[in-house]
Amino acid sequence: QPWPYPHQLMIGFTARATAPDRALTVDESELDGAKWFDADDLPQLPGKLSLSRQLIDNWLAAVAQK
């Protein structure tokens, strides 16, 4: 959903992996799963108005500048 439920604050974060080649450890009480993706191998993206899409688009722009 591209907007937070009424009266809630939606916040997005980015981070840098210190060991991106190492297998991910997932806390299954918080996440159903996790996976690393290359910029040219992304699954279907969320809608352009969603926070997750904004984070992905910002990452793709940074990757393109390298």
Protein backbone atom coordinates (compact mmCIF):
# COMPACT_ATOMS: atom_id res chain seq x y z
CA GLN A 1 0.00 0.00 0.00
CA PRO A 2 1.53 3.36 -0.97
CA TRP A 3 0.38 5.26 2.11
CA PRO A 4 0.33 4.45 5.84
CA TYR A 5 -2.92 3.45 7.48
CA PRO A 6 -4.62 6.53 8.99
CA HIS A 7 -2.74 8.05 11.94
CA GLN A 8 0.42 6.00 11.41
CA LEU A 9 3.89 7.08 10.37
CA MET A 10 5.65 5.15 7.61
CA ILE A 11 9.46 5.29 7.63
CA GLY A 12 11.92 3.69 5.21
CA PHE A 13 15.58 2.91 5.88
CA THR A 14 18.57 1.93 3.82
CA ALA A 15 21.71 0.13 4.95
CA ARG A 16 24.96 -1.15 3.52
CA ALA A 17 25.82 -4.84 3.85
CA THR A 18 29.25 -5.54 5.32
CA ALA A 19 29.36 -9.03 3.80
CA PRO A 20 26.91 -9.25 0.86
CA ASP A 21 28.31 -12.62 -0.23
CA ARG A 22 27.43 -14.25 3.09
CA ALA A 23 24.08 -16.04 3.43
CA LEU A 24 21.28 -14.01 5.00
CA THR A 25 20.00 -14.90 8.46
CA VAL A 26 16.27 -14.25 8.72
CA ASP A 27 14.36 -13.73 11.96
CA GLU A 28 11.23 -15.62 10.96
CA SER A 29 9.19 -13.91 13.68
CA GLU A 30 9.68 -10.64 11.75
CA LEU A 31 10.22 -11.63 8.10
CA ASP A 32 8.87 -14.38 5.90
CA GLY A 33 12.07 -14.42 3.85
CA ALA A 34 14.92 -12.36 2.44
CA LYS A 35 17.09 -12.48 -0.66
CA TRP A 36 19.81 -10.39 -2.33
CA PHE A 37 19.08 -9.15 -5.88
CA ASP A 38 21.31 -7.68 -8.56
CA ALA A 39 20.07 -4.46 -10.15
CA ASP A 40 19.44 -6.24 -13.46
CA ASP A 41 17.64 -9.22 -11.86
CA LEU A 42 14.86 -7.67 -9.77
CA PRO A 43 11.46 -9.32 -9.37
CA GLN A 44 8.28 -7.39 -10.19
CA LEU A 45 8.51 -4.00 -8.49
CA PRO A 46 5.82 -2.45 -6.28
CA GLY A 47 3.82 0.54 -7.53
CA LYS A 48 5.62 3.87 -8.03
CA LEU A 49 3.78 5.51 -5.11
CA SER A 50 4.94 2.97 -2.53
CA LEU A 51 7.76 3.66 -0.09
CA SER A 52 9.46 0.40 -1.02
CA ARG A 53 9.53 1.46 -4.69
CA GLN A 54 11.07 4.82 -3.78
CA LEU A 55 13.82 3.03 -1.85
CA ILE A 56 14.46 0.65 -4.76
CA ASP A 57 14.50 3.49 -7.31
CA ASN A 58 17.01 5.43 -5.20
CA TRP A 59 19.23 2.34 -4.98
CA LEU A 60 19.00 1.75 -8.74
CA ALA A 61 20.01 5.37 -9.39
CA ALA A 62 23.04 4.99 -7.10
CA VAL A 63 24.05 1.72 -8.81
CA ALA A 64 23.77 3.37 -12.24
CA GLN A 65 26.18 6.14 -11.16
CA LYS A 66 28.95 3.63 -10.31
